[in-house]
Amino acid sequence: MLEETIPLYELQPPDLGGIAGFRAWDFKYHEGFAIGPDGKRANIAFRHRHPHFELFLIRKGRGRLALEREVVEVGPRSLLIMGPGDVHFWTETNRLEGFTLAVSELFTSSSNFSLPFSQLTSFLQPNGSRIIRLNSPEEALIGNVFEIIKNSDVGSNFDHREVLKALLLILFSKIHGFHVGRGISQQELENTPLTRDFKQALLTECPRLTTVKEFAGYLKVSRSYLHRSVFQDLGRTPSDLIRDRTVFEAKRLLLHTDSSLKEIAQYLGFRNASYFSSFFRRHTALSPKGFRAKQVG
């Protein structure tokens, strides 16, 4: 079965101090396992994805992360950004230690956060950048903010959720400053809220949603309004982006699973394997079998 070969379940971040959709913790990874405070080991070397984004501040050790079809290498003073919908797994972990922070849409929506989740995601990932190499002062600054976030509910008379909102905004503004300081464009931030929401939905709702009509219904707007917003912002239609995402999902499943063309076609919403094969060949110049054989070879 498809679900057995590539886990597509969504992981919701556990609560922290009663705050739904948010979590911050210390991590220790070694030889493919997370090492808990009690010494217990949990396997982390499996392929998965989830709807929240995560920030990893690497303080010690080294590791390699397979992120979609890329391999990201991390070491001390690295800030790794993992986006919603990204399929990933650790291929190498050598005494990795640091801090992790996870935020989901559940937190931003229930907390009346000043930035919507879709903008927050693009805010942290301009131009798809996933890794920031920090200098010593930057690492110290981010590390201090993480420590305060983790302990923000200790001995405080203030509302924990409000404190977290303020600390997260400080953290995100600093990270954004690192990006801008390295000459990364702010184009993502200039998109309209609807376009940002559509791009976010592509990451987490495709292939459950497969047509412009379905995405428009999900976003509670008309098809024409969605088309106009996306085209004005990106110069491409929603149909173009849905097609690109479908091709990407197909490549991922062909690459990472042994599922049959019939199973993949069904999962992606095609009537049959023949129709899926024609679609794939039209947009990649390769048959699904040819693509799979080329990648394996």
C-alpha atoms as a PDB file:
ATOM      1  CA  MET A   1       0.000   0.000   0.000  1.00  0.00           C
ATOM      2  CA  LEU A   2       1.051   3.558  -0.740  1.00  0.00           C
ATOM      3  CA  GLU A   3       0.724   4.704   2.869  1.00  0.00           C
ATOM      4  CA  GLU A   4       3.082   1.952   3.996  1.00  0.00           C
ATOM      5  CA  THR A   5       5.882   2.855   1.605  1.00  0.00           C
ATOM      6  CA  ILE A   6       5.806   6.628   2.101  1.00  0.00           C
ATOM      7  CA  PRO A   7       4.121   7.829   5.295  1.00  0.00           C
ATOM      8  CA  LEU A   8       1.934  10.790   4.417  1.00  0.00           C
ATOM      9  CA  TYR A   9       0.337  11.272   7.817  1.00  0.00           C
ATOM     10  CA  GLU A  10       0.378  14.711   9.368  1.00  0.00           C
ATOM     11  CA  LEU A  11       1.963  15.232  12.766  1.00  0.00           C
ATOM     12  CA  GLN A  12       0.475  17.889  15.006  1.00  0.00           C
ATOM     13  CA  PRO A  13       2.958  19.490  17.396  1.00  0.00           C
ATOM     14  CA  PRO A  14       2.240  18.456  20.996  1.00  0.00           C
ATOM     15  CA  ASP A  15       1.102  21.110  23.430  1.00  0.00           C
ATOM     16  CA  LEU A  16       3.614  22.929  25.589  1.00  0.00           C
ATOM     17  CA  GLY A  17       2.221  24.279  28.829  1.00  0.00           C
ATOM     18  CA  GLY A  18      -1.303  24.074  27.440  1.00  0.00           C
ATOM     19  CA  ILE A  19      -0.477  25.979  24.243  1.00  0.00           C
ATOM     20  CA  ALA A  20      -2.003  24.079  21.334  1.00  0.00           C
ATOM     21  CA  GLY A  21      -0.070  23.989  18.057  1.00  0.00           C
ATOM     22  CA  PHE A  22       3.261  25.029  19.531  1.00  0.00           C
ATOM     23  CA  ARG A  23       6.246  23.226  20.977  1.00  0.00           C
ATOM     24  CA  ALA A  24       9.887  24.051  21.811  1.00  0.00           C
ATOM     25  CA  TRP A  25      12.394  21.527  23.087  1.00  0.00           C
ATOM     26  CA  ASP A  26      16.053  20.465  23.287  1.00  0.00           C
ATOM     27  CA  PHE A  27      17.038  17.648  20.964  1.00  0.00           C
ATOM     28  CA  LYS A  28      19.837  15.097  20.769  1.00  0.00           C
ATOM     29  CA  TYR A  29      20.139  12.962  17.619  1.00  0.00           C
ATOM     30  CA  HIS A  30      22.710  10.230  17.113  1.00  0.00           C
ATOM     31  CA  GLU A  31      22.974   7.416  14.572  1.00  0.00           C
ATOM     32  CA  GLY A  32      19.387   7.809  13.388  1.00  0.00           C
ATOM     33  CA  PHE A  33      17.784   8.059  16.826  1.00  0.00           C
ATOM     34  CA  ALA A  34      16.473  10.838  19.031  1.00  0.00           C
ATOM     35  CA  ILE A  35      17.891  10.432  22.530  1.00  0.00           C
ATOM     36  CA  GLY A  36      15.427  11.454  25.232  1.00  0.00           C
ATOM     37  CA  PRO A  37      16.310  12.913  28.654  1.00  0.00           C
ATOM     38  CA  ASP A  38      15.761   9.442  30.125  1.00  0.00           C
ATOM     39  CA  GLY A  39      18.105   7.848  27.590  1.00  0.00           C
ATOM     40  CA  LYS A  40      15.318   6.249  25.560  1.00  0.00           C
ATOM     41  CA  ARG A  41      15.891   6.120  21.801  1.00  0.00           C
ATOM     42  CA  ALA A  42      13.287   6.893  19.113  1.00  0.00           C
ATOM     43  CA  ASN A  43      13.859   6.243  15.422  1.00  0.00           C
ATOM     44  CA  ILE A  44      14.005   9.434  13.302  1.00  0.00           C
ATOM     45  CA  ALA A  45      15.426   7.938  10.102  1.00  0.00           C
ATOM     46  CA  PHE A  46      12.104   7.496   8.306  1.00  0.00           C
ATOM     47  CA  ARG A  47      10.509   9.550   5.551  1.00  0.00           C
ATOM     48  CA  HIS A  48       7.573  11.719   6.616  1.00  0.00           C
ATOM     49  CA  ARG A  49       5.995  15.142   6.427  1.00  0.00           C
ATOM     50  CA  HIS A  50       3.754  17.277   8.616  1.00  0.00           C
ATOM     51  CA  PRO A  51       1.654  20.467   8.402  1.00  0.00           C
ATOM     52  CA  HIS A  52       3.690  22.617  10.767  1.00  0.00           C
ATOM     53  CA  PHE A  53       7.077  24.199  10.198  1.00  0.00           C
ATOM     54  CA  GLU A  54      10.088  23.597  12.382  1.00  0.00           C
ATOM     55  CA  LEU A  55      13.234  25.513  13.209  1.00  0.00           C
ATOM     56  CA  PHE A  56      16.368  23.633  14.234  1.00  0.00           C
ATOM     57  CA  LEU A  57      19.234  25.522  15.849  1.00  0.00           C
ATOM     58  CA  ILE A  58      22.237  23.195  15.605  1.00  0.00           C
ATOM     59  CA  ARG A  59      24.685  23.781  18.467  1.00  0.00           C
ATOM     60  CA  LYS A  60      26.869  20.637  18.266  1.00  0.00           C
ATOM     61  CA  GLY A  61      27.572  17.716  15.968  1.00  0.00           C
ATOM     62  CA  ARG A  62      26.846  17.196  12.275  1.00  0.00           C
ATOM     63  CA  GLY A  63      24.098  15.673  10.194  1.00  0.00           C
ATOM     64  CA  ARG A  64      22.592  15.267   6.753  1.00  0.00           C
ATOM     65  CA  LEU A  65      18.909  15.695   6.008  1.00  0.00           C
ATOM     66  CA  ALA A  66      17.176  14.425   2.857  1.00  0.00           C
ATOM     67  CA  LEU A  67      14.679  17.187   2.097  1.00  0.00           C
ATOM     68  CA  GLU A  68      12.542  16.336  -0.924  1.00  0.00           C
ATOM     69  CA  ARG A  69      15.258  15.545  -3.513  1.00  0.00           C
ATOM     70  CA  GLU A  70      17.974  17.658  -1.900  1.00  0.00           C
ATOM     71  CA  VAL A  71      20.468  16.786   0.804  1.00  0.00           C
ATOM     72  CA  VAL A  72      21.070  19.494   3.394  1.00  0.00           C
ATOM     73  CA  GLU A  73      24.190  19.305   5.544  1.00  0.00           C
ATOM     74  CA  VAL A  74      24.079  20.909   8.975  1.00  0.00           C
ATOM     75  CA  GLY A  75      26.691  21.563  11.602  1.00  0.00           C
ATOM     76  CA  PRO A  76      27.351  23.912  14.521  1.00  0.00           C
ATOM     77  CA  ARG A  77      25.852  27.402  14.138  1.00  0.00           C
ATOM     78  CA  SER A  78      23.312  26.250  11.549  1.00  0.00           C
ATOM     79  CA  LEU A  79      19.665  27.300  11.543  1.00  0.00           C
ATOM     80  CA  LEU A  80      17.563  24.796   9.581  1.00  0.00           C
ATOM     81  CA  ILE A  81      14.076  25.756   8.407  1.00  0.00           C
ATOM     82  CA  MET A  82      11.626  22.961   7.605  1.00  0.00           C
ATOM     83  CA  GLY A  83       8.452  23.944   5.800  1.00  0.00           C
ATOM     84  CA  PRO A  84       4.942  22.463   5.969  1.00  0.00           C
ATOM     85  CA  GLY A  85       4.461  19.603   3.539  1.00  0.00           C
ATOM     86  CA  ASP A  86       8.186  18.922   3.080  1.00  0.00           C
ATOM     87  CA  VAL A  87       8.993  15.207   2.865  1.00  0.00           C
ATOM     88  CA  HIS A  88      12.179  14.641   4.819  1.00  0.00           C
ATOM     89  CA  PHE A  89      14.259  12.222   6.868  1.00  0.00           C
ATOM     90  CA  TRP A  90      17.671  12.265   8.513  1.00  0.00           C
ATOM     91  CA  THR A  91      20.237  10.201   6.610  1.00  0.00           C
ATOM     92  CA  GLU A  92      23.089  10.891   9.026  1.00  0.00           C
ATOM     93  CA  THR A  93      23.177  12.152  12.605  1.00  0.00           C
ATOM     94  CA  ASN A  94      26.446  12.363  14.473  1.00  0.00           C
ATOM     95  CA  ARG A  95      25.909  13.669  18.006  1.00  0.00           C
ATOM     96  CA  LEU A  96      23.610  16.455  16.847  1.00  0.00           C
ATOM     97  CA  GLU A  97      22.409  18.707  19.646  1.00  0.00           C
ATOM     98  CA  GLY A  98      20.433  21.908  19.746  1.00  0.00           C
ATOM     99  CA  PHE A  99      16.965  23.410  19.981  1.00  0.00           C
ATOM    100  CA  THR A 100      13.815  22.796  17.962  1.00  0.00           C
ATOM    101  CA  LEU A 101      10.709  24.915  17.678  1.00  0.00           C
ATOM    102  CA  ALA A 102       7.491  23.820  15.948  1.00  0.00           C
ATOM    103  CA  VAL A 103       4.566  26.102  15.102  1.00  0.00           C
ATOM    104  CA  SER A 104       1.360  25.066  13.349  1.00  0.00           C
ATOM    105  CA  GLU A 105      -1.611  26.946  11.952  1.00  0.00           C
ATOM    106  CA  LEU A 106      -3.519  25.869  15.053  1.00  0.00           C
ATOM    107  CA  PHE A 107      -1.385  28.206  17.160  1.00  0.00           C
ATOM    108  CA  THR A 108      -1.434  31.212  14.809  1.00  0.00           C
ATOM    109  CA  SER A 109      -5.193  31.000  14.215  1.00  0.00           C
ATOM    110  CA  SER A 110      -6.204  30.448  17.841  1.00  0.00           C
ATOM    111  CA  SER A 111      -3.816  33.099  19.154  1.00  0.00           C
ATOM    112  CA  ASN A 112      -4.860  35.888  16.756  1.00  0.00           C
ATOM    113  CA  PHE A 113      -1.218  36.034  15.749  1.00  0.00           C
ATOM    114  CA  SER A 114      -0.223  39.256  13.976  1.00  0.00           C
ATOM    115  CA  LEU A 115       1.063  37.260  10.981  1.00  0.00           C
ATOM    116  CA  PRO A 116      -1.123  34.611   9.274  1.00  0.00           C
ATOM    117  CA  PHE A 117       0.411  31.162   9.066  1.00  0.00           C
ATOM    118  CA  SER A 118       0.900  31.353   5.291  1.00  0.00           C
ATOM    119  CA  GLN A 119       2.807  34.641   5.591  1.00  0.00           C
ATOM    120  CA  LEU A 120       4.771  33.310   8.528  1.00  0.00           C
ATOM    121  CA  THR A 121       5.883  30.337   6.437  1.00  0.00           C
ATOM    122  CA  SER A 122       7.073  32.453   3.503  1.00  0.00           C
ATOM    123  CA  PHE A 123       8.501  34.979   5.965  1.00  0.00           C
ATOM    124  CA  LEU A 124      10.864  32.320   7.259  1.00  0.00           C
ATOM    125  CA  GLN A 125      11.630  30.796   3.863  1.00  0.00           C
ATOM    126  CA  PRO A 126      12.278  33.557   1.316  1.00  0.00           C
ATOM    127  CA  ASN A 127      13.181  32.037  -2.056  1.00  0.00           C
ATOM    128  CA  GLY A 128      13.101  28.562  -0.532  1.00  0.00           C
ATOM    129  CA  SER A 129      16.220  29.076   1.582  1.00  0.00           C
ATOM    130  CA  ARG A 130      16.350  26.247   4.147  1.00  0.00           C
ATOM    131  CA  ILE A 131      19.648  26.762   5.941  1.00  0.00           C
ATOM    132  CA  ILE A 132      21.210  29.859   7.487  1.00  0.00           C
ATOM    133  CA  ARG A 133      24.848  29.767   8.552  1.00  0.00           C
ATOM    134  CA  LEU A 134      25.086  31.882  11.677  1.00  0.00           C
ATOM    135  CA  ASN A 135      28.073  33.729  13.047  1.00  0.00           C
ATOM    136  CA  SER A 136      28.808  33.533  16.779  1.00  0.00           C
ATOM    137  CA  PRO A 137      26.790  36.626  17.851  1.00  0.00           C
ATOM    138  CA  GLU A 138      23.805  35.492  15.756  1.00  0.00           C
ATOM    139  CA  GLU A 139      23.923  31.999  17.248  1.00  0.00           C
ATOM    140  CA  ALA A 140      24.108  33.429  20.775  1.00  0.00           C
ATOM    141  CA  LEU A 141      21.154  35.737  20.091  1.00  0.00           C
ATOM    142  CA  ILE A 142      18.926  32.995  18.633  1.00  0.00           C
ATOM    143  CA  GLY A 143      19.982  30.577  21.367  1.00  0.00           C
ATOM    144  CA  ASN A 144      19.040  33.074  24.061  1.00  0.00           C
ATOM    145  CA  VAL A 145      15.618  33.689  22.505  1.00  0.00           C
ATOM    146  CA  PHE A 146      15.018  29.923  22.294  1.00  0.00           C
ATOM    147  CA  GLU A 147      15.901  29.525  25.976  1.00  0.00           C
ATOM    148  CA  ILE A 148      13.493  32.298  26.967  1.00  0.00           C
ATOM    149  CA  ILE A 149      10.736  30.749  24.807  1.00  0.00           C
ATOM    150  CA  LYS A 150      11.220  27.342  26.424  1.00  0.00           C
ATOM    151  CA  ASN A 151      11.000  28.872  29.911  1.00  0.00           C
ATOM    152  CA  SER A 152       8.445  31.591  29.207  1.00  0.00           C
ATOM    153  CA  ASP A 153       5.783  30.020  31.444  1.00  0.00           C
ATOM    154  CA  VAL A 154       8.047  29.713  34.489  1.00  0.00           C
ATOM    155  CA  GLY A 155       7.276  32.132  37.302  1.00  0.00           C
ATOM    156  CA  SER A 156       5.311  34.507  35.077  1.00  0.00           C
ATOM    157  CA  ASN A 157       2.072  36.283  35.944  1.00  0.00           C
ATOM    158  CA  PHE A 158       1.431  37.096  32.288  1.00  0.00           C
ATOM    159  CA  ASP A 159      -0.644  35.080  29.835  1.00  0.00           C
ATOM    160  CA  HIS A 160       1.700  32.428  28.436  1.00  0.00           C
ATOM    161  CA  ARG A 161       0.214  32.616  24.933  1.00  0.00           C
ATOM    162  CA  GLU A 162       0.728  36.382  24.739  1.00  0.00           C
ATOM    163  CA  VAL A 163       4.309  36.055  25.946  1.00  0.00           C
ATOM    164  CA  LEU A 164       4.999  33.412  23.306  1.00  0.00           C
ATOM    165  CA  LYS A 165       3.531  35.600  20.570  1.00  0.00           C
ATOM    166  CA  ALA A 166       5.864  38.447  21.500  1.00  0.00           C
ATOM    167  CA  LEU A 167       8.916  36.187  21.721  1.00  0.00           C
ATOM    168  CA  LEU A 168       8.140  34.470  18.414  1.00  0.00           C
ATOM    169  CA  LEU A 169       7.800  37.799  16.630  1.00  0.00           C
ATOM    170  CA  ILE A 170      11.191  38.836  17.989  1.00  0.00           C
ATOM    171  CA  LEU A 171      12.677  35.545  16.833  1.00  0.00           C
ATOM    172  CA  PHE A 172      11.143  35.735  13.350  1.00  0.00           C
ATOM    173  CA  SER A 173      12.153  39.349  12.854  1.00  0.00           C
ATOM    174  CA  LYS A 174      15.764  38.489  13.699  1.00  0.00           C
ATOM    175  CA  ILE A 175      15.770  35.539  11.290  1.00  0.00           C
ATOM    176  CA  HIS A 176      14.265  37.703   8.582  1.00  0.00           C
ATOM    177  CA  GLY A 177      17.012  40.236   9.225  1.00  0.00           C
ATOM    178  CA  PHE A 178      19.624  37.527   8.646  1.00  0.00           C
ATOM    179  CA  HIS A 179      18.005  36.706   5.294  1.00  0.00           C
ATOM    180  CA  VAL A 180      17.789  40.324   4.176  1.00  0.00           C
ATOM    181  CA  GLY A 181      21.348  40.945   5.310  1.00  0.00           C
ATOM    182  CA  ARG A 182      22.436  38.161   2.989  1.00  0.00           C
ATOM    183  CA  GLY A 183      20.699  39.784   0.030  1.00  0.00           C
ATOM    184  CA  ILE A 184      17.623  37.530  -0.197  1.00  0.00           C
ATOM    185  CA  SER A 185      14.572  39.025  -1.926  1.00  0.00           C
ATOM    186  CA  GLN A 186      11.410  40.060  -0.071  1.00  0.00           C
ATOM    187  CA  GLN A 187       9.159  39.170  -3.021  1.00  0.00           C
ATOM    188  CA  GLU A 188       7.284  36.520  -1.041  1.00  0.00           C
ATOM    189  CA  LEU A 189       6.196  39.104   1.515  1.00  0.00           C
ATOM    190  CA  GLU A 190       4.719  41.291  -1.229  1.00  0.00           C
ATOM    191  CA  ASN A 191       2.202  38.661  -2.349  1.00  0.00           C
ATOM    192  CA  THR A 192      -1.434  39.261  -1.418  1.00  0.00           C
ATOM    193  CA  PRO A 193      -2.786  37.247   1.525  1.00  0.00           C
ATOM    194  CA  LEU A 194      -4.922  35.136  -0.840  1.00  0.00           C
ATOM    195  CA  THR A 195      -1.928  34.195  -2.990  1.00  0.00           C
ATOM    196  CA  ARG A 196       0.068  33.268   0.110  1.00  0.00           C
ATOM    197  CA  ASP A 197      -2.845  31.171   1.384  1.00  0.00           C
ATOM    198  CA  PHE A 198      -3.128  29.428  -1.989  1.00  0.00           C
ATOM    199  CA  LYS A 199       0.593  28.613  -2.059  1.00  0.00           C
ATOM    200  CA  GLN A 200       0.355  27.293   1.493  1.00  0.00           C
ATOM    201  CA  ALA A 201      -2.638  25.133   0.534  1.00  0.00           C
ATOM    202  CA  LEU A 202      -0.658  23.689  -2.357  1.00  0.00           C
ATOM    203  CA  LEU A 203       1.912  22.409   0.137  1.00  0.00           C
ATOM    204  CA  THR A 204      -0.482  20.808   2.585  1.00  0.00           C
ATOM    205  CA  GLU A 205      -3.725  20.072   0.695  1.00  0.00           C
ATOM    206  CA  CYS A 206      -2.466  18.707  -2.636  1.00  0.00           C
ATOM    207  CA  PRO A 207      -3.334  16.073  -3.839  1.00  0.00           C
ATOM    208  CA  ARG A 208      -6.460  15.993  -1.684  1.00  0.00           C
ATOM    209  CA  LEU A 209      -7.521  19.064  -3.672  1.00  0.00           C
ATOM    210  CA  THR A 210      -6.829  18.867  -7.409  1.00  0.00           C
ATOM    211  CA  THR A 211      -8.791  21.612  -9.205  1.00  0.00           C
ATOM    212  CA  VAL A 212      -9.007  25.406  -9.083  1.00  0.00           C
ATOM    213  CA  LYS A 213     -12.649  25.062  -8.071  1.00  0.00           C
ATOM    214  CA  GLU A 214     -11.722  22.868  -5.099  1.00  0.00           C
ATOM    215  CA  PHE A 215      -8.940  25.218  -3.959  1.00  0.00           C
ATOM    216  CA  ALA A 216     -11.241  28.225  -4.328  1.00  0.00           C
ATOM    217  CA  GLY A 217     -13.853  26.473  -2.206  1.00  0.00           C
ATOM    218  CA  TYR A 218     -11.231  25.589   0.399  1.00  0.00           C
ATOM    219  CA  LEU A 219     -10.098  29.235   0.522  1.00  0.00           C
ATOM    220  CA  LYS A 220     -13.733  30.486   0.483  1.00  0.00           C
ATOM    221  CA  VAL A 221     -13.357  32.692  -2.605  1.00  0.00           C
ATOM    222  CA  SER A 222     -14.605  32.526  -6.190  1.00  0.00           C
ATOM    223  CA  ARG A 223     -12.549  30.868  -8.913  1.00  0.00           C
ATOM    224  CA  SER A 224     -12.218  34.167 -10.790  1.00  0.00           C
ATOM    225  CA  TYR A 225     -10.990  36.028  -7.702  1.00  0.00           C
ATOM    226  CA  LEU A 226      -8.414  33.335  -6.962  1.00  0.00           C
ATOM    227  CA  HIS A 227      -7.249  33.367 -10.588  1.00  0.00           C
ATOM    228  CA  ARG A 228      -6.917  37.157 -10.624  1.00  0.00           C
ATOM    229  CA  SER A 229      -4.992  37.335  -7.336  1.00  0.00           C
ATOM    230  CA  VAL A 230      -2.510  34.587  -8.195  1.00  0.00           C
ATOM    231  CA  PHE A 231      -1.938  35.783 -11.749  1.00  0.00           C
ATOM    232  CA  GLN A 232      -1.365  39.399 -10.691  1.00  0.00           C
ATOM    233  CA  ASP A 233       1.140  38.338  -8.018  1.00  0.00           C
ATOM    234  CA  LEU A 234       2.975  35.538  -9.812  1.00  0.00           C
ATOM    235  CA  GLY A 235       2.280  35.930 -13.530  1.00  0.00           C
ATOM    236  CA  ARG A 236       0.978  32.350 -13.583  1.00  0.00           C
ATOM    237  CA  THR A 237      -2.472  30.871 -13.135  1.00  0.00           C
ATOM    238  CA  PRO A 238      -3.640  28.684 -10.268  1.00  0.00           C
ATOM    239  CA  SER A 239      -4.025  25.857 -12.799  1.00  0.00           C
ATOM    240  CA  ASP A 240      -0.344  26.199 -13.715  1.00  0.00           C
ATOM    241  CA  LEU A 241       0.722  25.896 -10.090  1.00  0.00           C
ATOM    242  CA  ILE A 242      -1.626  22.993  -9.335  1.00  0.00           C
ATOM    243  CA  ARG A 243      -0.234  21.171 -12.374  1.00  0.00           C
ATOM    244  CA  ASP A 244       3.351  21.810 -11.270  1.00  0.00           C
ATOM    245  CA  ARG A 245       2.589  20.560  -7.771  1.00  0.00           C
ATOM    246  CA  THR A 246       0.880  17.449  -9.127  1.00  0.00           C
ATOM    247  CA  VAL A 247       3.910  16.683 -11.303  1.00  0.00           C
ATOM    248  CA  PHE A 248       6.139  17.187  -8.285  1.00  0.00           C
ATOM    249  CA  GLU A 249       4.023  14.861  -6.120  1.00  0.00           C
ATOM    250  CA  ALA A 250       4.073  12.265  -8.906  1.00  0.00           C
ATOM    251  CA  LYS A 251       7.868  12.435  -9.164  1.00  0.00           C
ATOM    252  CA  ARG A 252       8.177  12.109  -5.406  1.00  0.00           C
ATOM    253  CA  LEU A 253       5.982   9.019  -5.301  1.00  0.00           C
ATOM    254  CA  LEU A 254       7.706   7.433  -8.292  1.00  0.00           C
ATOM    255  CA  LEU A 255      11.088   8.110  -6.710  1.00  0.00           C
ATOM    256  CA  HIS A 256      10.381   7.170  -3.101  1.00  0.00           C
ATOM    257  CA  THR A 257       7.879   4.320  -3.399  1.00  0.00           C
ATOM    258  CA  ASP A 258       7.374   1.007  -5.159  1.00  0.00           C
ATOM    259  CA  SER A 259       3.690   1.758  -5.670  1.00  0.00           C
ATOM    260  CA  SER A 260       2.141   0.815  -8.992  1.00  0.00           C
ATOM    261  CA  LEU A 261       1.099   3.423 -11.549  1.00  0.00           C
ATOM    262  CA  LYS A 262      -2.505   2.544 -10.775  1.00  0.00           C
ATOM    263  CA  GLU A 263      -2.010   3.269  -7.061  1.00  0.00           C
ATOM    264  CA  ILE A 264      -0.212   6.565  -7.740  1.00  0.00           C
ATOM    265  CA  ALA A 265      -2.822   7.623 -10.306  1.00  0.00           C
ATOM    266  CA  GLN A 266      -5.587   6.917  -7.813  1.00  0.00           C
ATOM    267  CA  TYR A 267      -3.818   8.804  -5.041  1.00  0.00           C
ATOM    268  CA  LEU A 268      -3.284  11.849  -7.269  1.00  0.00           C
ATOM    269  CA  GLY A 269      -6.901  11.915  -8.415  1.00  0.00           C
ATOM    270  CA  PHE A 270      -6.547  10.629 -11.988  1.00  0.00           C
ATOM    271  CA  ARG A 271      -9.263   8.469 -13.551  1.00  0.00           C
ATOM    272  CA  ASN A 272      -6.832   5.700 -14.419  1.00  0.00           C
ATOM    273  CA  ALA A 273      -3.141   4.898 -14.898  1.00  0.00           C
ATOM    274  CA  SER A 274      -3.301   5.594 -18.639  1.00  0.00           C
ATOM    275  CA  TYR A 275      -4.553   9.137 -18.122  1.00  0.00           C
ATOM    276  CA  PHE A 276      -1.910   9.720 -15.440  1.00  0.00           C
ATOM    277  CA  SER A 277       0.832   8.420 -17.752  1.00  0.00           C
ATOM    278  CA  SER A 278      -0.267  10.752 -20.552  1.00  0.00           C
ATOM    279  CA  PHE A 279      -0.323  13.718 -18.167  1.00  0.00           C
ATOM    280  CA  PHE A 280       3.123  12.887 -16.787  1.00  0.00           C
ATOM    281  CA  ARG A 281       4.684  12.408 -20.222  1.00  0.00           C
ATOM    282  CA  ARG A 282       3.158  15.658 -21.511  1.00  0.00           C
ATOM    283  CA  HIS A 283       4.758  17.678 -18.732  1.00  0.00           C
ATOM    284  CA  THR A 284       8.087  15.881 -18.268  1.00  0.00           C
ATOM    285  CA  ALA A 285       8.822  14.318 -21.691  1.00  0.00           C
ATOM    286  CA  LEU A 286       9.214  10.980 -19.880  1.00  0.00           C
ATOM    287  CA  SER A 287       6.820   8.188 -19.073  1.00  0.00           C
ATOM    288  CA  PRO A 288       6.349   7.433 -15.367  1.00  0.00           C
ATOM    289  CA  LYS A 289       8.163   4.127 -15.833  1.00  0.00           C
ATOM    290  CA  GLY A 290      10.931   5.874 -17.739  1.00  0.00           C
ATOM    291  CA  PHE A 291      11.345   8.486 -15.015  1.00  0.00           C
ATOM    292  CA  ARG A 292      11.480   5.821 -12.314  1.00  0.00           C
ATOM    293  CA  ALA A 293      14.010   3.708 -14.241  1.00  0.00           C
ATOM    294  CA  LYS A 294      16.212   6.746 -14.945  1.00  0.00           C
ATOM    295  CA  GLN A 295      16.297   7.745 -11.267  1.00  0.00           C
ATOM    296  CA  VAL A 296      17.035   4.215 -10.081  1.00  0.00           C
ATOM    297  CA  GLY A 297      19.692   3.742 -12.746  1.00  0.00           C
END
